[in-house]
Amino acid sequence: HALYSRVKALEPPERMQVLMSASFPWTRRMLRAPAAGDFWQADHTLPVAEGGGCCGIANFRTLCTPCHRRETDALRKRLAVRKRDEAA
């Protein structure tokens, strides 16, 4: 990931400027000691909660951390609606 490589090579004050200019949500840990997992994460294309747990590597994709957070939030909403509908 290009942003991770760039940030890792910088000093903390410069890291913050780069992350802010990229509109990437940052944490203090990212400024002190950036790790690849701060910038991207593995995601199940078909979520485990929706039947994707026993799939192979084809069910994985990499997403930037903010996109993974959005996907997870959307999944939680879908699951909450499903649970509510099943209880009705």
PDB file of N, CA and C in Angstrom:
ATOM      1  N   HIS A   1       0.848  -1.176   0.000  1.00  0.00           N
ATOM      2  CA  HIS A   1       0.000   0.000   0.000  1.00  0.00           C
ATOM      3  C   HIS A   1       0.889   1.233   0.000  1.00  0.00           C
ATOM      4  N   ALA A   2       0.675   2.075  -0.948  1.00  0.00           N
ATOM      5  CA  ALA A   2       1.548   3.234  -1.142  1.00  0.00           C
ATOM      6  C   ALA A   2       1.502   4.214   0.028  1.00  0.00           C
ATOM      7  N   LEU A   3       0.321   4.450   0.574  1.00  0.00           N
ATOM      8  CA  LEU A   3       0.214   5.392   1.686  1.00  0.00           C
ATOM      9  C   LEU A   3       0.977   4.874   2.899  1.00  0.00           C
ATOM     10  N   TYR A   4       0.839   3.604   3.201  1.00  0.00           N
ATOM     11  CA  TYR A   4       1.572   3.012   4.327  1.00  0.00           C
ATOM     12  C   TYR A   4       3.077   3.173   4.129  1.00  0.00           C
ATOM     13  N   SER A   5       3.574   2.836   2.967  1.00  0.00           N
ATOM     14  CA  SER A   5       5.012   2.945   2.695  1.00  0.00           C
ATOM     15  C   SER A   5       5.498   4.375   2.861  1.00  0.00           C
ATOM     16  N   ARG A   6       4.706   5.303   2.376  1.00  0.00           N
ATOM     17  CA  ARG A   6       5.093   6.708   2.476  1.00  0.00           C
ATOM     18  C   ARG A   6       5.106   7.166   3.932  1.00  0.00           C
ATOM     19  N   VAL A   7       4.062   6.841   4.666  1.00  0.00           N
ATOM     20  CA  VAL A   7       3.949   7.264   6.066  1.00  0.00           C
ATOM     21  C   VAL A   7       5.045   6.636   6.914  1.00  0.00           C
ATOM     22  N   LYS A   8       5.317   5.368   6.699  1.00  0.00           N
ATOM     23  CA  LYS A   8       6.320   4.661   7.495  1.00  0.00           C
ATOM     24  C   LYS A   8       7.698   5.308   7.364  1.00  0.00           C
ATOM     25  N   ALA A   9       8.002   5.861   6.206  1.00  0.00           N
ATOM     26  CA  ALA A   9       9.313   6.458   5.959  1.00  0.00           C
ATOM     27  C   ALA A   9       9.471   7.850   6.586  1.00  0.00           C
ATOM     28  N   LEU A  10       8.389   8.412   7.099  1.00  0.00           N
ATOM     29  CA  LEU A  10       8.420   9.777   7.631  1.00  0.00           C
ATOM     30  C   LEU A  10       8.539   9.798   9.149  1.00  0.00           C
ATOM     31  N   GLU A  11       8.801  10.977   9.679  1.00  0.00           N
ATOM     32  CA  GLU A  11       8.804  11.213  11.120  1.00  0.00           C
ATOM     33  C   GLU A  11       7.374  11.555  11.548  1.00  0.00           C
ATOM     34  N   PRO A  12       7.049  11.370  12.836  1.00  0.00           N
ATOM     35  CA  PRO A  12       5.664  11.582  13.289  1.00  0.00           C
ATOM     36  C   PRO A  12       4.991  12.882  12.855  1.00  0.00           C
ATOM     37  N   PRO A  13       5.616  14.060  12.968  1.00  0.00           N
ATOM     38  CA  PRO A  13       4.891  15.266  12.535  1.00  0.00           C
ATOM     39  C   PRO A  13       4.539  15.236  11.043  1.00  0.00           C
ATOM     40  N   GLU A  14       5.457  14.708  10.245  1.00  0.00           N
ATOM     41  CA  GLU A  14       5.200  14.614   8.806  1.00  0.00           C
ATOM     42  C   GLU A  14       4.138  13.559   8.518  1.00  0.00           C
ATOM     43  N   ARG A  15       4.128  12.488   9.308  1.00  0.00           N
ATOM     44  CA  ARG A  15       3.112  11.438   9.137  1.00  0.00           C
ATOM     45  C   ARG A  15       1.718  12.023   9.282  1.00  0.00           C
ATOM     46  N   MET A  16       1.547  12.839  10.310  1.00  0.00           N
ATOM     47  CA  MET A  16       0.236  13.431  10.554  1.00  0.00           C
ATOM     48  C   MET A  16      -0.199  14.294   9.374  1.00  0.00           C
ATOM     49  N   GLN A  17       0.697  15.085   8.852  1.00  0.00           N
ATOM     50  CA  GLN A  17       0.358  15.947   7.719  1.00  0.00           C
ATOM     51  C   GLN A  17      -0.059  15.128   6.502  1.00  0.00           C
ATOM     52  N   VAL A  18       0.682  14.061   6.222  1.00  0.00           N
ATOM     53  CA  VAL A  18       0.365  13.223   5.059  1.00  0.00           C
ATOM     54  C   VAL A  18      -0.988  12.547   5.249  1.00  0.00           C
ATOM     55  N   LEU A  19      -1.231  11.992   6.431  1.00  0.00           N
ATOM     56  CA  LEU A  19      -2.506  11.318   6.688  1.00  0.00           C
ATOM     57  C   LEU A  19      -3.675  12.286   6.612  1.00  0.00           C
ATOM     58  N   MET A  20      -3.490  13.468   7.160  1.00  0.00           N
ATOM     59  CA  MET A  20      -4.564  14.460   7.105  1.00  0.00           C
ATOM     60  C   MET A  20      -4.816  14.917   5.667  1.00  0.00           C
ATOM     61  N   SER A  21      -3.772  15.102   4.886  1.00  0.00           N
ATOM     62  CA  SER A  21      -3.973  15.541   3.503  1.00  0.00           C
ATOM     63  C   SER A  21      -4.611  14.439   2.661  1.00  0.00           C
ATOM     64  N   ALA A  22      -4.428  13.182   3.077  1.00  0.00           N
ATOM     65  CA  ALA A  22      -5.057  12.055   2.367  1.00  0.00           C
ATOM     66  C   ALA A  22      -6.462  11.772   2.900  1.00  0.00           C
ATOM     67  N   SER A  23      -6.916  12.552   3.882  1.00  0.00           N
ATOM     68  CA  SER A  23      -8.220  12.341   4.531  1.00  0.00           C
ATOM     69  C   SER A  23      -8.341  10.938   5.097  1.00  0.00           C
ATOM     70  N   PHE A  24      -7.228  10.423   5.590  1.00  0.00           N
ATOM     71  CA  PHE A  24      -7.198   9.082   6.170  1.00  0.00           C
ATOM     72  C   PHE A  24      -7.285   9.215   7.686  1.00  0.00           C
ATOM     73  N   PRO A  25      -8.265   8.557   8.327  1.00  0.00           N
ATOM     74  CA  PRO A  25      -8.364   8.661   9.784  1.00  0.00           C
ATOM     75  C   PRO A  25      -7.130   8.068  10.452  1.00  0.00           C
ATOM     76  N   TRP A  26      -6.523   8.816  11.333  1.00  0.00           N
ATOM     77  CA  TRP A  26      -5.274   8.372  11.946  1.00  0.00           C
ATOM     78  C   TRP A  26      -5.443   8.217  13.450  1.00  0.00           C
ATOM     79  N   THR A  27      -4.534   7.456  14.033  1.00  0.00           N
ATOM     80  CA  THR A  27      -4.485   7.274  15.480  1.00  0.00           C
ATOM     81  C   THR A  27      -3.084   7.663  15.950  1.00  0.00           C
ATOM     82  N   ARG A  28      -2.947   7.876  17.235  1.00  0.00           N
ATOM     83  CA  ARG A  28      -1.621   8.217  17.773  1.00  0.00           C
ATOM     84  C   ARG A  28      -0.620   7.101  17.526  1.00  0.00           C
ATOM     85  N   ARG A  29      -1.094   5.855  17.612  1.00  0.00           N
ATOM     86  CA  ARG A  29      -0.204   4.724  17.362  1.00  0.00           C
ATOM     87  C   ARG A  29       0.322   4.752  15.930  1.00  0.00           C
ATOM     88  N   MET A  30      -0.516   5.163  14.995  1.00  0.00           N
ATOM     89  CA  MET A  30      -0.077   5.257  13.600  1.00  0.00           C
ATOM     90  C   MET A  30       1.021   6.301  13.447  1.00  0.00           C
ATOM     91  N   LEU A  31       0.960   7.336  14.262  1.00  0.00           N
ATOM     92  CA  LEU A  31       1.991   8.367  14.190  1.00  0.00           C
ATOM     93  C   LEU A  31       3.299   7.877  14.811  1.00  0.00           C
ATOM     94  N   ARG A  32       3.188   7.133  15.918  1.00  0.00           N
ATOM     95  CA  ARG A  32       4.382   6.631  16.605  1.00  0.00           C
ATOM     96  C   ARG A  32       5.035   5.471  15.849  1.00  0.00           C
ATOM     97  N   ALA A  33       4.228   4.484  15.479  1.00  0.00           N
ATOM     98  CA  ALA A  33       4.778   3.254  14.884  1.00  0.00           C
ATOM     99  C   ALA A  33       3.763   2.664  13.908  1.00  0.00           C
ATOM    100  N   PRO A  34       3.678   3.212  12.705  1.00  0.00           N
ATOM    101  CA  PRO A  34       2.681   2.718  11.757  1.00  0.00           C
ATOM    102  C   PRO A  34       2.907   1.248  11.400  1.00  0.00           C
ATOM    103  N   ALA A  35       1.808   0.520  11.298  1.00  0.00           N
ATOM    104  CA  ALA A  35       1.840  -0.888  10.900  1.00  0.00           C
ATOM    105  C   ALA A  35       0.912  -1.063   9.702  1.00  0.00           C
ATOM    106  N   ALA A  36       1.222  -2.029   8.860  1.00  0.00           N
ATOM    107  CA  ALA A  36       0.421  -2.243   7.653  1.00  0.00           C
ATOM    108  C   ALA A  36      -1.058  -2.439   7.987  1.00  0.00           C
ATOM    109  N   GLY A  37      -1.351  -3.120   9.092  1.00  0.00           N
ATOM    110  CA  GLY A  37      -2.733  -3.369   9.485  1.00  0.00           C
ATOM    111  C   GLY A  37      -3.511  -2.121   9.840  1.00  0.00           C
ATOM    112  N   ASP A  38      -2.818  -1.011  10.038  1.00  0.00           N
ATOM    113  CA  ASP A  38      -3.501   0.255  10.284  1.00  0.00           C
ATOM    114  C   ASP A  38      -4.081   0.822   8.990  1.00  0.00           C
ATOM    115  N   PHE A  39      -3.568   0.368   7.871  1.00  0.00           N
ATOM    116  CA  PHE A  39      -3.914   0.959   6.588  1.00  0.00           C
ATOM    117  C   PHE A  39      -4.785   0.065   5.717  1.00  0.00           C
ATOM    118  N   TRP A  40      -4.669  -1.240   5.869  1.00  0.00           N
ATOM    119  CA  TRP A  40      -5.507  -2.155   5.098  1.00  0.00           C
ATOM    120  C   TRP A  40      -5.781  -3.401   5.925  1.00  0.00           C
ATOM    121  N   GLN A  41      -6.886  -4.052   5.582  1.00  0.00           N
ATOM    122  CA  GLN A  41      -7.304  -5.240   6.311  1.00  0.00           C
ATOM    123  C   GLN A  41      -7.907  -6.248   5.345  1.00  0.00           C
ATOM    124  N   ALA A  42      -7.846  -7.518   5.725  1.00  0.00           N
ATOM    125  CA  ALA A  42      -8.496  -8.574   4.954  1.00  0.00           C
ATOM    126  C   ALA A  42      -9.982  -8.552   5.286  1.00  0.00           C
ATOM    127  N   ASP A  43     -10.799  -8.766   4.277  1.00  0.00           N
ATOM    128  CA  ASP A  43     -12.251  -8.752   4.445  1.00  0.00           C
ATOM    129  C   ASP A  43     -12.837  -9.943   3.701  1.00  0.00           C
ATOM    130  N   HIS A  44     -13.859 -10.555   4.282  1.00  0.00           N
ATOM    131  CA  HIS A  44     -14.579 -11.626   3.588  1.00  0.00           C
ATOM    132  C   HIS A  44     -15.534 -10.980   2.591  1.00  0.00           C
ATOM    133  N   THR A  45     -15.451 -11.364   1.332  1.00  0.00           N
ATOM    134  CA  THR A  45     -16.374 -10.851   0.323  1.00  0.00           C
ATOM    135  C   THR A  45     -17.794 -11.241   0.704  1.00  0.00           C
ATOM    136  N   LEU A  46     -17.983 -12.507   1.043  1.00  0.00           N
ATOM    137  CA  LEU A  46     -19.240 -12.985   1.614  1.00  0.00           C
ATOM    138  C   LEU A  46     -18.981 -13.130   3.112  1.00  0.00           C
ATOM    139  N   PRO A  47     -19.572 -12.254   3.933  1.00  0.00           N
ATOM    140  CA  PRO A  47     -19.268 -12.272   5.356  1.00  0.00           C
ATOM    141  C   PRO A  47     -19.521 -13.631   6.013  1.00  0.00           C
ATOM    142  N   VAL A  48     -18.738 -13.938   7.021  1.00  0.00           N
ATOM    143  CA  VAL A  48     -18.886 -15.192   7.765  1.00  0.00           C
ATOM    144  C   VAL A  48     -20.309 -15.312   8.295  1.00  0.00           C
ATOM    145  N   ALA A  49     -20.847 -14.220   8.823  1.00  0.00           N
ATOM    146  CA  ALA A  49     -22.199 -14.227   9.389  1.00  0.00           C
ATOM    147  C   ALA A  49     -23.273 -14.488   8.342  1.00  0.00           C
ATOM    148  N   GLU A  50     -22.900 -14.374   7.076  1.00  0.00           N
ATOM    149  CA  GLU A  50     -23.859 -14.604   5.991  1.00  0.00           C
ATOM    150  C   GLU A  50     -23.487 -15.827   5.164  1.00  0.00           C
ATOM    151  N   GLY A  51     -22.675 -16.716   5.761  1.00  0.00           N
ATOM    152  CA  GLY A  51     -22.354 -17.988   5.106  1.00  0.00           C
ATOM    153  C   GLY A  51     -20.980 -18.083   4.483  1.00  0.00           C
ATOM    154  N   GLY A  52     -20.119 -17.106   4.683  1.00  0.00           N
ATOM    155  CA  GLY A  52     -18.814 -17.118   4.037  1.00  0.00           C
ATOM    156  C   GLY A  52     -17.671 -17.674   4.866  1.00  0.00           C
ATOM    157  N   GLY A  53     -17.960 -18.360   5.958  1.00  0.00           N
ATOM    158  CA  GLY A  53     -16.905 -18.820   6.851  1.00  0.00           C
ATOM    159  C   GLY A  53     -16.092 -19.993   6.362  1.00  0.00           C
ATOM    160  N   CYS A  54     -16.665 -20.846   5.556  1.00  0.00           N
ATOM    161  CA  CYS A  54     -15.963 -22.061   5.109  1.00  0.00           C
ATOM    162  C   CYS A  54     -15.461 -21.929   3.682  1.00  0.00           C
ATOM    163  N   CYS A  55     -15.261 -20.728   3.237  1.00  0.00           N
ATOM    164  CA  CYS A  55     -14.808 -20.490   1.871  1.00  0.00           C
ATOM    165  C   CYS A  55     -13.287 -20.409   1.820  1.00  0.00           C
ATOM    166  N   GLY A  56     -12.745 -20.545   0.638  1.00  0.00           N
ATOM    167  CA  GLY A  56     -11.307 -20.445   0.445  1.00  0.00           C
ATOM    168  C   GLY A  56     -10.854 -19.010   0.289  1.00  0.00           C
ATOM    169  N   ILE A  57      -9.646 -18.890  -0.203  1.00  0.00           N
ATOM    170  CA  ILE A  57      -9.031 -17.570  -0.344  1.00  0.00           C
ATOM    171  C   ILE A  57      -9.777 -16.683  -1.335  1.00  0.00           C
ATOM    172  N   ALA A  58     -10.549 -17.278  -2.213  1.00  0.00           N
ATOM    173  CA  ALA A  58     -11.318 -16.484  -3.176  1.00  0.00           C
ATOM    174  C   ALA A  58     -12.363 -15.610  -2.479  1.00  0.00           C
ATOM    175  N   ASN A  59     -12.692 -15.914  -1.230  1.00  0.00           N
ATOM    176  CA  ASN A  59     -13.671 -15.127  -0.494  1.00  0.00           C
ATOM    177  C   ASN A  59     -13.026 -13.966   0.264  1.00  0.00           C
ATOM    178  N   PHE A  60     -11.750 -13.723   0.058  1.00  0.00           N
ATOM    179  CA  PHE A  60     -11.069 -12.620   0.731  1.00  0.00           C
ATOM    180  C   PHE A  60     -10.733 -11.505  -0.247  1.00  0.00           C
ATOM    181  N   ARG A  61     -10.724 -10.310   0.288  1.00  0.00           N
ATOM    182  CA  ARG A  61     -10.274  -9.135  -0.459  1.00  0.00           C
ATOM    183  C   ARG A  61      -9.582  -8.220   0.536  1.00  0.00           C
ATOM    184  N   THR A  62      -8.770  -7.328   0.052  1.00  0.00           N
ATOM    185  CA  THR A  62      -8.147  -6.345   0.931  1.00  0.00           C
ATOM    186  C   THR A  62      -8.873  -5.020   0.748  1.00  0.00           C
ATOM    187  N   LEU A  63      -9.125  -4.392   1.876  1.00  0.00           N
ATOM    188  CA  LEU A  63      -9.771  -3.084   1.883  1.00  0.00           C
ATOM    189  C   LEU A  63      -8.955  -2.142   2.748  1.00  0.00           C
ATOM    190  N   CYS A  64      -8.967  -0.869   2.412  1.00  0.00           N
ATOM    191  CA  CYS A  64      -8.346   0.085   3.315  1.00  0.00           C
ATOM    192  C   CYS A  64      -9.162   0.071   4.610  1.00  0.00           C
ATOM    193  N   THR A  65      -8.549   0.464   5.688  1.00  0.00           N
ATOM    194  CA  THR A  65      -9.205   0.385   6.995  1.00  0.00           C
ATOM    195  C   THR A  65     -10.530   1.157   7.032  1.00  0.00           C
ATOM    196  N   PRO A  66     -10.616   2.384   6.504  1.00  0.00           N
ATOM    197  CA  PRO A  66     -11.917   3.074   6.527  1.00  0.00           C
ATOM    198  C   PRO A  66     -12.992   2.337   5.718  1.00  0.00           C
ATOM    199  N   CYS A  67     -12.618   1.761   4.580  1.00  0.00           N
ATOM    200  CA  CYS A  67     -13.595   1.012   3.775  1.00  0.00           C
ATOM    201  C   CYS A  67     -14.033  -0.254   4.501  1.00  0.00           C
ATOM    202  N   HIS A  68     -13.086  -0.930   5.164  1.00  0.00           N
ATOM    203  CA  HIS A  68     -13.428  -2.122   5.936  1.00  0.00           C
ATOM    204  C   HIS A  68     -14.388  -1.758   7.062  1.00  0.00           C
ATOM    205  N   ARG A  69     -14.157  -0.641   7.704  1.00  0.00           N
ATOM    206  CA  ARG A  69     -15.051  -0.184   8.782  1.00  0.00           C
ATOM    207  C   ARG A  69     -16.455   0.062   8.233  1.00  0.00           C
ATOM    208  N   ARG A  70     -16.552   0.703   7.058  1.00  0.00           N
ATOM    209  CA  ARG A  70     -17.866   0.954   6.454  1.00  0.00           C
ATOM    210  C   ARG A  70     -18.576  -0.353   6.117  1.00  0.00           C
ATOM    211  N   GLU A  71     -17.833  -1.310   5.543  1.00  0.00           N
ATOM    212  CA  GLU A  71     -18.426  -2.614   5.205  1.00  0.00           C
ATOM    213  C   GLU A  71     -18.918  -3.327   6.468  1.00  0.00           C
ATOM    214  N   THR A  72     -18.129  -3.278   7.525  1.00  0.00           N
ATOM    215  CA  THR A  72     -18.511  -3.930   8.784  1.00  0.00           C
ATOM    216  C   THR A  72     -19.736  -3.250   9.385  1.00  0.00           C
ATOM    217  N   ASP A  73     -19.785  -1.930   9.344  1.00  0.00           N
ATOM    218  CA  ASP A  73     -20.957  -1.211   9.857  1.00  0.00           C
ATOM    219  C   ASP A  73     -22.212  -1.586   9.061  1.00  0.00           C
ATOM    220  N   ALA A  74     -22.079  -1.684   7.744  1.00  0.00           N
ATOM    221  CA  ALA A  74     -23.220  -2.069   6.899  1.00  0.00           C
ATOM    222  C   ALA A  74     -23.673  -3.494   7.229  1.00  0.00           C
ATOM    223  N   LEU A  75     -22.728  -4.392   7.450  1.00  0.00           N
ATOM    224  CA  LEU A  75     -23.067  -5.766   7.821  1.00  0.00           C
ATOM    225  C   LEU A  75     -23.820  -5.783   9.152  1.00  0.00           C
ATOM    226  N   ARG A  76     -23.325  -5.048  10.124  1.00  0.00           N
ATOM    227  CA  ARG A  76     -24.000  -5.006  11.429  1.00  0.00           C
ATOM    228  C   ARG A  76     -25.438  -4.512  11.294  1.00  0.00           C
ATOM    229  N   LYS A  77     -25.649  -3.526  10.453  1.00  0.00           N
ATOM    230  CA  LYS A  77     -27.004  -3.012  10.240  1.00  0.00           C
ATOM    231  C   LYS A  77     -27.882  -4.086   9.591  1.00  0.00           C
ATOM    232  N   ARG A  78     -27.352  -4.774   8.574  1.00  0.00           N
ATOM    233  CA  ARG A  78     -28.120  -5.848   7.931  1.00  0.00           C
ATOM    234  C   ARG A  78     -28.487  -6.936   8.926  1.00  0.00           C
ATOM    235  N   LEU A  79     -27.535  -7.323   9.770  1.00  0.00           N
ATOM    236  CA  LEU A  79     -27.792  -8.372  10.746  1.00  0.00           C
ATOM    237  C   LEU A  79     -28.818  -7.928  11.786  1.00  0.00           C
ATOM    238  N   ALA A  80     -28.763  -6.663  12.203  1.00  0.00           N
ATOM    239  CA  ALA A  80     -29.729  -6.150  13.171  1.00  0.00           C
ATOM    240  C   ALA A  80     -31.136  -6.150  12.580  1.00  0.00           C
ATOM    241  N   VAL A  81     -31.257  -5.738  11.325  1.00  0.00           N
ATOM    242  CA  VAL A  81     -32.562  -5.736  10.659  1.00  0.00           C
ATOM    243  C   VAL A  81     -33.084  -7.170  10.539  1.00  0.00           C
ATOM    244  N   ARG A  82     -32.222  -8.079  10.134  1.00  0.00           N
ATOM    245  CA  ARG A  82     -32.617  -9.482   9.999  1.00  0.00           C
ATOM    246  C   ARG A  82     -33.086 -10.042  11.339  1.00  0.00           C
ATOM    247  N   LYS A  83     -32.363  -9.746  12.400  1.00  0.00           N
ATOM    248  CA  LYS A  83     -32.720 -10.235  13.732  1.00  0.00           C
ATOM    249  C   LYS A  83     -34.058  -9.653  14.173  1.00  0.00           C
ATOM    250  N   ARG A  84     -34.241  -8.371  13.917  1.00  0.00           N
ATOM    251  CA  ARG A  84     -35.508  -7.713  14.272  1.00  0.00           C
ATOM    252  C   ARG A  84     -36.668  -8.309  13.490  1.00  0.00           C
ATOM    253  N   ASP A  85     -36.452  -8.540  12.190  1.00  0.00           N
ATOM    254  CA  ASP A  85     -37.513  -9.099  11.350  1.00  0.00           C
ATOM    255  C   ASP A  85     -37.860 -10.521  11.745  1.00  0.00           C
ATOM    256  N   GLU A  86     -36.850 -11.308  12.125  1.00  0.00           N
ATOM    257  CA  GLU A  86     -37.102 -12.685  12.541  1.00  0.00           C
ATOM    258  C   GLU A  86     -37.838 -12.742  13.874  1.00  0.00           C
ATOM    259  N   ALA A  87     -37.630 -11.749  14.731  1.00  0.00           N
ATOM    260  CA  ALA A  87     -38.294 -11.719  16.033  1.00  0.00           C
ATOM    261  C   ALA A  87     -39.752 -11.285  15.921  1.00  0.00           C
ATOM    262  N   ALA A  88     -40.086 -10.625  14.820  1.00  0.00           N
ATOM    263  CA  ALA A  88     -41.466 -10.092  14.655  1.00  0.00           C
ATOM    264  C   ALA A  88     -42.436 -11.173  14.252  1.00  0.00           C
TER     265      ALA A  88
END
